[in-house]
Amino acid sequence: MPTIIDTIKSRRSVRDFTDAPVSKDDINTILDAGRWAPSGLNNQPWRYIVVQDRGTIGEMATCTHYNNVVQGAPLLIVVFLDHDAEYNYVKDVQAIGAAIQNMLLACCELELGAVWLGEILNRKEKVNSILDAPDSLELMAVLAIGHPVEKERVSTRKGVEDVTFNGKFGADWVV
């Protein structure tokens, strides 16, 4: 059984999906993983709209340069910050990032593919209009989710020493 560290290191963004639908149980598991993210004062500022309707997915695809990814996904989870639940804007945005990461890791465990789409934020007013989202909701991301088309996915990362500022503390602990 893989550890959480194994899952973190093996997770990849998936942009190509089969036509197979995502089960209701899997959708609920993904949403549940998101709701267990930490948030300031436990305010849980995230709100989600689950989109499976092909017509709505098609409309959403017009809101991004990555329209083929959106159009090809059988499931979109649209992630919002609820300003009515807001505690501190920066902390709340960070909490939503944690919720998104939880959902991406849940997808990985469920053997689903997913990608976090951010470029769609450039058309957030149109997205909100398509989804008839309340005015209190600010678009944070869209997750495109489905059963992945089988292919090799690789990724690299900078070394820890390349992303760690050592300042006056030194780097004796960096491997």
Protein backbone atom coordinates (compact mmCIF):
# COMPACT_ATOMS: atom_id res chain seq x y z
CA MET A 1 0.00 0.00 0.00
CA PRO A 2 1.50 3.35 -1.00
CA THR A 3 2.19 5.98 1.62
CA ILE A 4 0.92 9.54 1.39
CA ILE A 5 4.45 10.59 0.37
CA ASP A 6 4.36 8.04 -2.48
CA THR A 7 0.99 9.42 -3.60
CA ILE A 8 2.23 13.02 -3.47
CA LYS A 9 5.28 12.13 -5.57
CA SER A 10 3.39 10.00 -8.09
CA ARG A 11 0.41 12.32 -8.69
CA ARG A 12 0.41 13.87 -12.16
CA SER A 13 -1.86 16.32 -13.91
CA VAL A 14 -4.07 14.43 -16.35
CA ARG A 15 -5.55 16.23 -19.33
CA ASP A 16 -6.86 13.31 -21.41
CA PHE A 17 -9.84 11.29 -20.23
CA THR A 18 -11.88 8.32 -21.40
CA ASP A 19 -15.63 8.68 -21.87
CA ALA A 20 -16.36 6.63 -18.73
CA PRO A 21 -18.39 8.56 -16.15
CA VAL A 22 -17.13 9.19 -12.62
CA SER A 23 -19.30 7.40 -10.08
CA LYS A 24 -21.41 9.25 -7.53
CA ASP A 25 -19.46 7.49 -4.74
CA ASP A 26 -16.15 8.72 -6.18
CA ILE A 27 -17.51 12.27 -6.52
CA ASN A 28 -18.61 12.22 -2.89
CA THR A 29 -15.22 10.88 -1.79
CA ILE A 30 -13.44 13.68 -3.68
CA LEU A 31 -15.69 16.37 -2.19
CA ASP A 32 -15.31 14.87 1.28
CA ALA A 33 -11.51 14.96 0.96
CA GLY A 34 -11.73 18.65 0.07
CA ARG A 35 -13.86 19.49 3.08
CA TRP A 36 -11.26 18.02 5.45
CA ALA A 37 -8.63 20.61 4.48
CA PRO A 38 -7.49 23.00 7.22
CA SER A 39 -8.87 26.54 7.30
CA GLY A 40 -8.45 29.57 9.56
CA LEU A 41 -10.89 29.38 12.49
CA ASN A 42 -12.27 26.27 10.74
CA ASN A 43 -14.41 28.59 8.60
CA GLN A 44 -14.30 26.19 5.62
CA PRO A 45 -14.68 28.97 3.01
CA TRP A 46 -14.80 26.64 -0.02
CA ARG A 47 -17.91 25.99 -2.05
CA TYR A 48 -18.21 23.61 -4.98
CA ILE A 49 -20.40 23.22 -8.02
CA VAL A 50 -20.30 19.75 -9.57
CA VAL A 51 -20.78 19.79 -13.34
CA GLN A 52 -21.53 16.66 -15.36
CA ASP A 53 -24.01 18.00 -17.90
CA ARG A 54 -22.35 17.88 -21.34
CA GLY A 55 -23.98 21.14 -22.47
CA THR A 56 -22.71 23.01 -19.41
CA ILE A 57 -19.26 21.47 -19.81
CA GLY A 58 -19.29 22.70 -23.42
CA GLU A 59 -20.16 26.23 -22.28
CA MET A 60 -17.42 26.09 -19.64
CA ALA A 61 -14.94 25.03 -22.33
CA THR A 62 -15.48 28.38 -24.08
CA CYS A 63 -14.02 30.14 -21.02
CA THR A 64 -10.46 28.85 -21.38
CA HIS A 65 -7.65 28.27 -23.84
CA TYR A 66 -7.64 24.71 -22.48
CA ASN A 67 -11.07 24.05 -23.95
CA ASN A 68 -10.09 20.57 -25.17
CA VAL A 69 -9.25 19.53 -21.60
CA VAL A 70 -12.55 20.85 -20.23
CA GLN A 71 -14.57 19.47 -23.15
CA GLY A 72 -12.96 16.03 -22.70
CA ALA A 73 -13.64 15.74 -18.98
CA PRO A 74 -16.73 13.86 -17.81
CA LEU A 75 -16.67 15.79 -14.52
CA LEU A 76 -15.81 19.33 -13.48
CA ILE A 77 -15.61 20.44 -9.89
CA VAL A 78 -15.74 24.22 -9.84
CA VAL A 79 -14.13 25.63 -6.70
CA PHE A 80 -15.14 28.94 -5.17
CA LEU A 81 -14.31 31.15 -2.20
CA ASP A 82 -17.52 32.07 -0.38
CA HIS A 83 -17.08 35.70 0.72
CA ASP A 84 -19.99 35.25 3.16
CA ALA A 85 -17.82 32.72 5.03
CA GLU A 86 -14.61 34.74 4.69
CA TYR A 87 -12.30 35.06 7.69
CA ASN A 88 -9.12 36.43 6.10
CA TYR A 89 -8.80 36.60 2.33
CA VAL A 90 -5.21 35.35 2.07
CA LYS A 91 -5.73 32.56 4.60
CA ASP A 92 -8.98 31.57 2.92
CA VAL A 93 -7.35 31.37 -0.51
CA GLN A 94 -4.59 29.23 1.02
CA ALA A 95 -7.20 26.99 2.63
CA ILE A 96 -8.89 26.54 -0.73
CA GLY A 97 -5.54 25.54 -2.21
CA ALA A 98 -5.26 22.90 0.51
CA ALA A 99 -8.79 21.68 -0.27
CA ILE A 100 -7.92 21.44 -3.96
CA GLN A 101 -4.75 19.47 -3.18
CA ASN A 102 -6.78 17.09 -0.98
CA MET A 103 -9.19 16.53 -3.87
CA LEU A 104 -6.35 15.93 -6.34
CA LEU A 105 -4.79 13.38 -3.99
CA ALA A 106 -8.17 11.69 -3.52
CA CYS A 107 -8.46 11.43 -7.32
CA CYS A 108 -5.05 9.80 -7.43
CA GLU A 109 -6.05 7.24 -4.78
CA LEU A 110 -9.28 6.52 -6.68
CA GLU A 111 -7.20 5.98 -9.85
CA LEU A 112 -8.87 8.95 -11.50
CA GLY A 113 -7.06 11.60 -13.48
CA ALA A 114 -7.41 15.28 -12.65
CA VAL A 115 -5.95 18.64 -13.51
CA TRP A 116 -6.20 21.96 -11.67
CA LEU A 117 -7.18 24.66 -14.19
CA GLY A 118 -6.34 28.23 -13.25
CA GLU A 119 -6.25 30.07 -16.57
CA ILE A 120 -10.05 29.93 -16.58
CA LEU A 121 -9.97 32.57 -13.82
CA ASN A 122 -9.52 35.14 -16.59
CA ARG A 123 -13.18 34.54 -17.48
CA LYS A 124 -14.57 34.18 -13.96
CA GLU A 125 -17.58 36.42 -14.60
CA LYS A 126 -18.63 34.26 -17.54
CA VAL A 127 -18.12 31.06 -15.51
CA ASN A 128 -20.27 32.46 -12.69
CA SER A 129 -22.94 33.42 -15.23
CA ILE A 130 -22.96 29.97 -16.88
CA LEU A 131 -23.30 28.29 -13.47
CA ASP A 132 -25.70 30.90 -12.06
CA ALA A 133 -23.38 31.13 -9.05
CA PRO A 134 -24.36 33.46 -6.20
CA ASP A 135 -22.61 36.85 -6.09
CA SER A 136 -20.86 35.86 -2.85
CA LEU A 137 -18.81 33.20 -4.70
CA GLU A 138 -15.44 34.02 -6.24
CA LEU A 139 -14.04 31.50 -8.71
CA MET A 140 -10.78 29.95 -7.50
CA ALA A 141 -10.24 27.01 -9.88
CA VAL A 142 -11.84 24.30 -11.96
CA LEU A 143 -10.84 20.67 -11.56
CA ALA A 144 -11.28 18.55 -14.68
CA ILE A 145 -11.65 14.93 -13.57
CA GLY A 146 -12.14 11.57 -15.26
CA HIS A 147 -10.70 8.16 -15.94
CA PRO A 148 -7.29 8.81 -17.47
CA VAL A 149 -6.30 7.78 -20.96
CA GLU A 150 -3.42 5.37 -20.42
CA LYS A 151 -0.08 6.93 -21.27
CA GLU A 152 3.18 7.67 -19.53
CA ARG A 153 3.23 10.89 -17.53
CA VAL A 154 6.50 12.20 -16.17
CA SER A 155 7.44 15.26 -14.22
CA THR A 156 10.54 16.74 -12.69
CA ARG A 157 11.06 19.01 -9.73
CA LYS A 158 13.82 21.34 -8.68
CA GLY A 159 16.03 20.06 -5.89
CA VAL A 160 15.27 21.00 -2.29
CA GLU A 161 18.47 23.06 -2.26
CA ASP A 162 17.16 25.04 -5.25
CA VAL A 163 13.92 26.07 -3.55
CA THR A 164 15.17 26.62 -0.02
CA PHE A 165 16.51 29.98 1.11
CA ASN A 166 19.10 29.30 3.77
CA GLY A 167 19.75 32.87 4.91
CA LYS A 168 21.61 33.13 8.20
CA PHE A 169 20.52 29.66 9.26
CA GLY A 170 22.84 27.69 6.98
CA ALA A 171 22.08 24.58 5.00
CA ASP A 172 23.47 21.76 7.12
CA TRP A 173 20.13 19.97 7.07
CA VAL A 174 19.63 19.98 3.28
CA VAL A 175 20.46 16.62 1.71
